[in-house]
C-alpha atoms as a PDB file:
ATOM      1  CA  MET A   1     -32.272 -18.814 -44.834  1.00  0.00           C
ATOM      2  CA  SER A   2     -31.695 -17.320 -48.050  1.00  0.00           C
ATOM      3  CA  SER A   3     -28.120 -17.884 -49.624  1.00  0.00           C
ATOM      4  CA  LEU A   4     -26.908 -14.673 -49.905  1.00  0.00           C
ATOM      5  CA  CYS A   5     -27.722 -14.769 -46.054  1.00  0.00           C
ATOM      6  CA  TYR A   6     -25.331 -17.597 -45.768  1.00  0.00           C
ATOM      7  CA  ARG A   7     -22.741 -16.330 -48.324  1.00  0.00           C
ATOM      8  CA  GLU A   8     -22.363 -12.488 -46.023  1.00  0.00           C
ATOM      9  CA  LEU A   9     -21.631 -15.079 -43.089  1.00  0.00           C
ATOM     10  CA  VAL A  10     -18.965 -16.935 -44.926  1.00  0.00           C
ATOM     11  CA  GLN A  11     -17.337 -13.745 -45.998  1.00  0.00           C
ATOM     12  CA  ARG A  12     -17.558 -12.360 -42.742  1.00  0.00           C
ATOM     13  CA  ARG A  13     -16.086 -15.185 -40.622  1.00  0.00           C
ATOM     14  CA  LEU A  14     -13.099 -15.498 -44.037  1.00  0.00           C
ATOM     15  CA  ALA A  15     -12.688 -11.687 -43.436  1.00  0.00           C
ATOM     16  CA  VAL A  16     -11.919 -12.245 -39.542  1.00  0.00           C
ATOM     17  CA  TRP A  17      -9.736 -15.295 -40.250  1.00  0.00           C
ATOM     18  CA  GLN A  18      -7.681 -13.248 -42.853  1.00  0.00           C
ATOM     19  CA  THR A  19      -7.239  -9.880 -40.500  1.00  0.00           C
ATOM     20  CA  GLY A  20      -5.908 -12.814 -37.264  1.00  0.00           C
ATOM     21  CA  VAL A  21      -3.416 -14.083 -40.029  1.00  0.00           C
ATOM     22  CA  GLU A  22      -2.614 -10.851 -41.232  1.00  0.00           C
ATOM     23  CA  LEU A  23      -1.920 -10.206 -37.630  1.00  0.00           C
ATOM     24  CA  LYS A  24      -0.045 -12.720 -37.052  1.00  0.00           C
ATOM     25  CA  LEU A  25       2.110 -12.086 -39.960  1.00  0.00           C
ATOM     26  CA  ALA A  26       2.991  -8.752 -38.606  1.00  0.00           C
ATOM     27  CA  ARG A  27       3.832  -9.763 -35.359  1.00  0.00           C
ATOM     28  CA  ALA A  28       6.174 -11.932 -37.309  1.00  0.00           C
ATOM     29  CA  ARG A  29       7.973  -9.733 -39.459  1.00  0.00           C
ATOM     30  CA  GLU A  30       8.315  -7.643 -35.828  1.00  0.00           C
ATOM     31  CA  GLN A  31       9.810 -10.494 -34.246  1.00  0.00           C
ATOM     32  CA  GLU A  32      12.290 -11.561 -36.731  1.00  0.00           C
ATOM     33  CA  GLY A  33      15.456  -9.307 -35.429  1.00  0.00           C
ATOM     34  CA  LEU A  34      15.002 -10.251 -31.925  1.00  0.00           C
ATOM     35  CA  VAL A  35      14.732 -13.765 -33.039  1.00  0.00           C
ATOM     36  CA  LEU A  36      17.852 -14.203 -35.161  1.00  0.00           C
ATOM     37  CA  ALA A  37      19.633 -12.147 -32.494  1.00  0.00           C
ATOM     38  CA  VAL A  38      18.554 -14.818 -29.920  1.00  0.00           C
ATOM     39  CA  ALA A  39      19.332 -17.780 -32.207  1.00  0.00           C
ATOM     40  CA  ARG A  40      22.988 -16.200 -32.175  1.00  0.00           C
ATOM     41  CA  CYS A  41      23.156 -15.571 -29.082  1.00  0.00           C
ATOM     42  CA  LEU A  42      22.106 -19.158 -28.129  1.00  0.00           C
ATOM     43  CA  SER A  43      24.183 -21.003 -31.171  1.00  0.00           C
ATOM     44  CA  ALA A  44      27.087 -19.539 -28.800  1.00  0.00           C
ATOM     45  CA  THR A  45      26.254 -21.854 -25.660  1.00  0.00           C
ATOM     46  CA  ALA A  46      26.881 -25.334 -25.448  1.00  0.00           C
ATOM     47  CA  TRP A  47      23.454 -26.411 -25.529  1.00  0.00           C
ATOM     48  CA  PRO A  48      21.426 -27.495 -28.875  1.00  0.00           C
ATOM     49  CA  TYR A  49      17.570 -25.620 -29.192  1.00  0.00           C
ATOM     50  CA  ARG A  50      15.469 -25.719 -31.381  1.00  0.00           C
ATOM     51  CA  LEU A  51      12.629 -23.142 -32.235  1.00  0.00           C
ATOM     52  CA  VAL A  52       8.586 -23.420 -32.832  1.00  0.00           C
ATOM     53  CA  LEU A  53       6.333 -21.124 -33.065  1.00  0.00           C
ATOM     54  CA  ASP A  54       3.227 -20.913 -30.637  1.00  0.00           C
ATOM     55  CA  GLU A  55      -0.246 -20.031 -31.948  1.00  0.00           C
ATOM     56  CA  ASP A  56       0.099 -16.449 -31.944  1.00  0.00           C
ATOM     57  CA  MET A  57       3.545 -16.888 -34.083  1.00  0.00           C
ATOM     58  CA  GLY A  58       5.481 -16.444 -30.770  1.00  0.00           C
ATOM     59  CA  ALA A  59       8.989 -17.700 -31.127  1.00  0.00           C
ATOM     60  CA  VAL A  60       9.624 -20.278 -28.403  1.00  0.00           C
ATOM     61  CA  PHE A  61      13.328 -21.496 -28.258  1.00  0.00           C
ATOM     62  CA  VAL A  62      13.372 -25.075 -26.554  1.00  0.00           C
ATOM     63  CA  VAL A  63      16.596 -25.926 -24.989  1.00  0.00           C
ATOM     64  CA  ALA A  64      18.321 -29.348 -24.653  1.00  0.00           C
ATOM     65  CA  SER A  65      18.633 -30.239 -20.682  1.00  0.00           C
ATOM     66  CA  GLY A  66      22.704 -30.554 -20.492  1.00  0.00           C
ATOM     67  CA  LYS A  67      24.441 -32.571 -17.682  1.00  0.00           C
ATOM     68  CA  GLU A  68      24.245 -29.643 -15.658  1.00  0.00           C
ATOM     69  CA  ALA A  69      21.561 -29.145 -13.396  1.00  0.00           C
ATOM     70  CA  ARG A  70      18.319 -27.054 -14.481  1.00  0.00           C
ATOM     71  CA  THR A  71      19.018 -24.290 -12.022  1.00  0.00           C
ATOM     72  CA  GLN A  72      22.689 -23.958 -13.079  1.00  0.00           C
ATOM     73  CA  GLN A  73      21.587 -24.438 -16.848  1.00  0.00           C
ATOM     74  CA  CYS A  74      19.052 -21.549 -16.374  1.00  0.00           C
ATOM     75  CA  ALA A  75      21.075 -19.806 -14.758  1.00  0.00           C
ATOM     76  CA  ALA A  76      24.065 -19.870 -17.519  1.00  0.00           C
ATOM     77  CA  LEU A  77      21.313 -19.484 -20.331  1.00  0.00           C
ATOM     78  CA  ARG A  78      19.844 -15.877 -18.421  1.00  0.00           C
ATOM     79  CA  GLN A  79      23.667 -14.806 -18.227  1.00  0.00           C
ATOM     80  CA  ALA A  80      24.291 -15.303 -21.572  1.00  0.00           C
ATOM     81  CA  LEU A  81      21.001 -13.626 -22.766  1.00  0.00           C
ATOM     82  CA  ALA A  82      20.739 -11.034 -20.564  1.00  0.00           C
ATOM     83  CA  ALA A  83      24.209  -9.695 -21.759  1.00  0.00           C
ATOM     84  CA  ARG A  84      22.524  -8.305 -25.126  1.00  0.00           C
ATOM     85  CA  PHE A  85      18.442  -8.620 -24.131  1.00  0.00           C
ATOM     86  CA  ALA A  86      16.137  -8.108 -20.764  1.00  0.00           C
ATOM     87  CA  VAL A  87      15.663 -11.637 -19.401  1.00  0.00           C
ATOM     88  CA  ASP A  88      12.509 -12.555 -16.849  1.00  0.00           C
ATOM     89  CA  GLU A  89      11.601 -15.542 -15.497  1.00  0.00           C
ATOM     90  CA  THR A  90       7.738 -15.435 -16.340  1.00  0.00           C
ATOM     91  CA  GLY A  91       5.591 -18.564 -17.159  1.00  0.00           C
ATOM     92  CA  PRO A  92       6.324 -21.804 -16.162  1.00  0.00           C
ATOM     93  CA  ARG A  93       8.843 -22.961 -13.997  1.00  0.00           C
ATOM     94  CA  TRP A  94      11.888 -23.183 -16.442  1.00  0.00           C
ATOM     95  CA  CYS A  95      11.149 -20.499 -18.801  1.00  0.00           C
ATOM     96  CA  LEU A  96      12.781 -17.066 -19.510  1.00  0.00           C
ATOM     97  CA  ARG A  97      11.048 -14.256 -21.266  1.00  0.00           C
ATOM     98  CA  VAL A  98      13.486 -12.279 -23.281  1.00  0.00           C
ATOM     99  CA  GLU A  99      12.834  -8.769 -24.652  1.00  0.00           C
ATOM    100  CA  GLY A 100      14.728  -6.319 -26.888  1.00  0.00           C
ATOM    101  CA  ARG A 101      16.022  -3.606 -24.901  1.00  0.00           C
ATOM    102  CA  ASP A 102      15.113  -0.989 -27.407  1.00  0.00           C
ATOM    103  CA  GLY A 103      11.373  -0.838 -25.577  1.00  0.00           C
ATOM    104  CA  ALA A 104       9.771  -2.125 -28.657  1.00  0.00           C
ATOM    105  CA  GLY A 105       8.041  -4.760 -26.952  1.00  0.00           C
ATOM    106  CA  ARG A 106       9.635  -7.183 -28.923  1.00  0.00           C
ATOM    107  CA  SER A 107       9.748 -10.397 -27.148  1.00  0.00           C
ATOM    108  CA  CYS A 108      10.413 -14.640 -27.168  1.00  0.00           C
ATOM    109  CA  ARG A 109      10.288 -17.311 -24.715  1.00  0.00           C
ATOM    110  CA  VAL A 110      13.107 -19.588 -23.595  1.00  0.00           C
ATOM    111  CA  LEU A 111      12.476 -22.942 -22.528  1.00  0.00           C
ATOM    112  CA  LEU A 112      14.107 -25.688 -20.719  1.00  0.00           C
ATOM    113  CA  GLU A 113      13.190 -29.026 -22.069  1.00  0.00           C
ATOM    114  CA  GLU A 114      11.807 -31.383 -19.630  1.00  0.00           C
ATOM    115  CA  ASP A 115      13.761 -34.101 -18.604  1.00  0.00           C
ATOM    116  CA  GLY A 116      13.530 -37.157 -20.976  1.00  0.00           C
ATOM    117  CA  HIS A 117      12.455 -35.354 -23.862  1.00  0.00           C
ATOM    118  CA  GLY A 118      15.988 -35.238 -25.764  1.00  0.00           C
ATOM    119  CA  PHE A 119      16.778 -34.605 -29.126  1.00  0.00           C
END
């Protein structure tokens, strides 16, 4: 194996990684307005939350469990968010998908924290 062949493989691999990073960064930029708006809406509720990013730079708001029953808390979160956003229950239980109403396809998730995993 020649060093040129090895170097070409390294360059190709790096180019693929760089493209992936650039795509994730572009997604993060596109999502920023929606994420900030959802954060403002969640800040108006009684429950603390934290924002995390998944491996694809998707925003996930993790809301602390309240004293209410989980079904009541989820319904209250859905109601608060639905005033400004399109909200669907998708994925695992206690997870909401929040989308802007502009049709641009931007979305994030709101997840109720599991019992016993408080802040």
